[in-house]
Amino acid sequence: MAFLDFVAAGVIVLSLALLPISISSYRRTGNAKLLFTVGAFVAFFLVGVALFAYEFTPDADPAGALAAIGLLNLVVLALLYFATLKR
């Protein structure tokens, strides 16, 4: 399952790289909608951590891991929706 390792590492690295950019953008503009993108990148980081935890836990429940990762992905989608929602 080396491919899953690369996917999880990619998610973690990319989310941690984009997190300070979104925080900096929020500080520069003061636009509260950018806080939703900050939350989305934090949730993406948690997805990567969950993938790693599933990969390296010998007794991991595949259904539970899939449910947790799916729920985190729904959180990401909701946060990105609220970030782009127009009033």
C-alpha atoms as a PDB file:
ATOM      1  CA  MET A   1       0.000   0.000   0.000  1.00  0.00           C
ATOM      2  CA  ALA A   2       2.819   2.397  -0.787  1.00  0.00           C
ATOM      3  CA  PHE A   3       0.509   4.443  -3.015  1.00  0.00           C
ATOM      4  CA  LEU A   4      -1.732   5.282  -0.041  1.00  0.00           C
ATOM      5  CA  ASP A   5       1.355   6.528   1.810  1.00  0.00           C
ATOM      6  CA  PHE A   6       2.120   8.969  -1.005  1.00  0.00           C
ATOM      7  CA  VAL A   7      -1.492  10.141  -1.158  1.00  0.00           C
ATOM      8  CA  ALA A   8      -1.640  10.739   2.598  1.00  0.00           C
ATOM      9  CA  ALA A   9       1.721  12.515   2.584  1.00  0.00           C
ATOM     10  CA  GLY A  10       0.632  14.662  -0.349  1.00  0.00           C
ATOM     11  CA  VAL A  11      -2.586  15.666   1.396  1.00  0.00           C
ATOM     12  CA  ILE A  12      -0.727  16.539   4.585  1.00  0.00           C
ATOM     13  CA  VAL A  13       2.061  18.499   2.886  1.00  0.00           C
ATOM     14  CA  LEU A  14      -0.244  20.395   0.532  1.00  0.00           C
ATOM     15  CA  SER A  15      -2.727  21.290   3.258  1.00  0.00           C
ATOM     16  CA  LEU A  16       0.049  22.468   5.573  1.00  0.00           C
ATOM     17  CA  ALA A  17       1.563  24.508   2.735  1.00  0.00           C
ATOM     18  CA  LEU A  18      -1.741  26.206   1.885  1.00  0.00           C
ATOM     19  CA  LEU A  19      -2.807  26.825   5.488  1.00  0.00           C
ATOM     20  CA  PRO A  20      -0.411  29.737   6.183  1.00  0.00           C
ATOM     21  CA  ILE A  21      -1.274  31.257   2.802  1.00  0.00           C
ATOM     22  CA  SER A  22      -4.970  31.301   3.663  1.00  0.00           C
ATOM     23  CA  ILE A  23      -4.252  32.698   7.149  1.00  0.00           C
ATOM     24  CA  SER A  24      -2.089  35.416   5.597  1.00  0.00           C
ATOM     25  CA  SER A  25      -4.839  36.244   3.110  1.00  0.00           C
ATOM     26  CA  TYR A  26      -7.354  36.549   5.926  1.00  0.00           C
ATOM     27  CA  ARG A  27      -5.069  38.846   7.901  1.00  0.00           C
ATOM     28  CA  ARG A  28      -4.411  40.986   4.840  1.00  0.00           C
ATOM     29  CA  THR A  29      -8.034  41.361   3.720  1.00  0.00           C
ATOM     30  CA  GLY A  30     -10.040  40.779   6.900  1.00  0.00           C
ATOM     31  CA  ASN A  31     -12.600  38.845   4.864  1.00  0.00           C
ATOM     32  CA  ALA A  32     -14.286  36.456   7.275  1.00  0.00           C
ATOM     33  CA  LYS A  33     -15.082  33.995   4.467  1.00  0.00           C
ATOM     34  CA  LEU A  34     -11.404  33.148   4.270  1.00  0.00           C
ATOM     35  CA  LEU A  35     -11.701  31.584   7.712  1.00  0.00           C
ATOM     36  CA  PHE A  36     -13.786  28.864   6.052  1.00  0.00           C
ATOM     37  CA  THR A  37     -10.849  28.077   3.776  1.00  0.00           C
ATOM     38  CA  VAL A  38      -8.571  27.945   6.820  1.00  0.00           C
ATOM     39  CA  GLY A  39     -10.958  25.393   8.330  1.00  0.00           C
ATOM     40  CA  ALA A  40     -11.026  23.442   5.062  1.00  0.00           C
ATOM     41  CA  PHE A  41      -7.241  23.147   4.999  1.00  0.00           C
ATOM     42  CA  VAL A  42      -7.245  22.011   8.628  1.00  0.00           C
ATOM     43  CA  ALA A  43      -9.844  19.383   7.717  1.00  0.00           C
ATOM     44  CA  PHE A  44      -7.722  18.286   4.735  1.00  0.00           C
ATOM     45  CA  PHE A  45      -4.792  17.885   7.130  1.00  0.00           C
ATOM     46  CA  LEU A  46      -6.980  15.685   9.343  1.00  0.00           C
ATOM     47  CA  VAL A  47      -7.896  13.581   6.293  1.00  0.00           C
ATOM     48  CA  GLY A  48      -4.203  12.931   5.675  1.00  0.00           C
ATOM     49  CA  VAL A  49      -3.645  12.059   9.321  1.00  0.00           C
ATOM     50  CA  ALA A  50      -6.632   9.694   9.220  1.00  0.00           C
ATOM     51  CA  LEU A  51      -5.212   8.001   6.114  1.00  0.00           C
ATOM     52  CA  PHE A  52      -1.869   7.521   7.828  1.00  0.00           C
ATOM     53  CA  ALA A  53      -3.553   6.231  10.974  1.00  0.00           C
ATOM     54  CA  TYR A  54      -5.523   3.715   8.913  1.00  0.00           C
ATOM     55  CA  GLU A  55      -2.409   2.647   7.031  1.00  0.00           C
ATOM     56  CA  PHE A  56      -0.260   2.030  10.095  1.00  0.00           C
ATOM     57  CA  THR A  57      -2.838   0.623  12.506  1.00  0.00           C
ATOM     58  CA  PRO A  58      -2.809  -3.153  12.136  1.00  0.00           C
ATOM     59  CA  ASP A  59      -6.304  -3.695  13.538  1.00  0.00           C
ATOM     60  CA  ALA A  60      -7.937  -0.760  11.749  1.00  0.00           C
ATOM     61  CA  ASP A  61     -11.555  -1.148  10.761  1.00  0.00           C
ATOM     62  CA  PRO A  62     -11.882  -0.308   7.042  1.00  0.00           C
ATOM     63  CA  ALA A  63     -15.536   0.693   7.378  1.00  0.00           C
ATOM     64  CA  GLY A  64     -14.782   3.009  10.291  1.00  0.00           C
ATOM     65  CA  ALA A  65     -11.841   4.592   8.506  1.00  0.00           C
ATOM     66  CA  LEU A  66     -13.906   5.098   5.359  1.00  0.00           C
ATOM     67  CA  ALA A  67     -16.707   6.680   7.394  1.00  0.00           C
ATOM     68  CA  ALA A  68     -14.311   9.034   9.197  1.00  0.00           C
ATOM     69  CA  ILE A  69     -12.548  10.091   6.009  1.00  0.00           C
ATOM     70  CA  GLY A  70     -15.860  10.515   4.203  1.00  0.00           C
ATOM     71  CA  LEU A  71     -17.190  12.669   7.028  1.00  0.00           C
ATOM     72  CA  LEU A  72     -14.076  14.851   6.949  1.00  0.00           C
ATOM     73  CA  ASN A  73     -14.467  15.238   3.192  1.00  0.00           C
ATOM     74  CA  LEU A  74     -18.058  16.383   3.721  1.00  0.00           C
ATOM     75  CA  VAL A  75     -16.781  18.947   6.219  1.00  0.00           C
ATOM     76  CA  VAL A  76     -14.264  20.196   3.643  1.00  0.00           C
ATOM     77  CA  LEU A  77     -16.961  20.508   0.990  1.00  0.00           C
ATOM     78  CA  ALA A  78     -19.277  22.372   3.358  1.00  0.00           C
ATOM     79  CA  LEU A  79     -16.515  24.778   4.395  1.00  0.00           C
ATOM     80  CA  LEU A  80     -15.575  25.480   0.784  1.00  0.00           C
ATOM     81  CA  TYR A  81     -19.251  26.005  -0.046  1.00  0.00           C
ATOM     82  CA  PHE A  82     -19.612  28.567   2.722  1.00  0.00           C
ATOM     83  CA  ALA A  83     -16.410  30.260   1.640  1.00  0.00           C
ATOM     84  CA  THR A  84     -17.768  30.804  -1.873  1.00  0.00           C
ATOM     85  CA  LEU A  85     -21.391  31.498  -0.929  1.00  0.00           C
ATOM     86  CA  LYS A  86     -22.581  34.912  -2.025  1.00  0.00           C
ATOM     87  CA  ARG A  87     -24.902  36.952   0.120  1.00  0.00           C
END
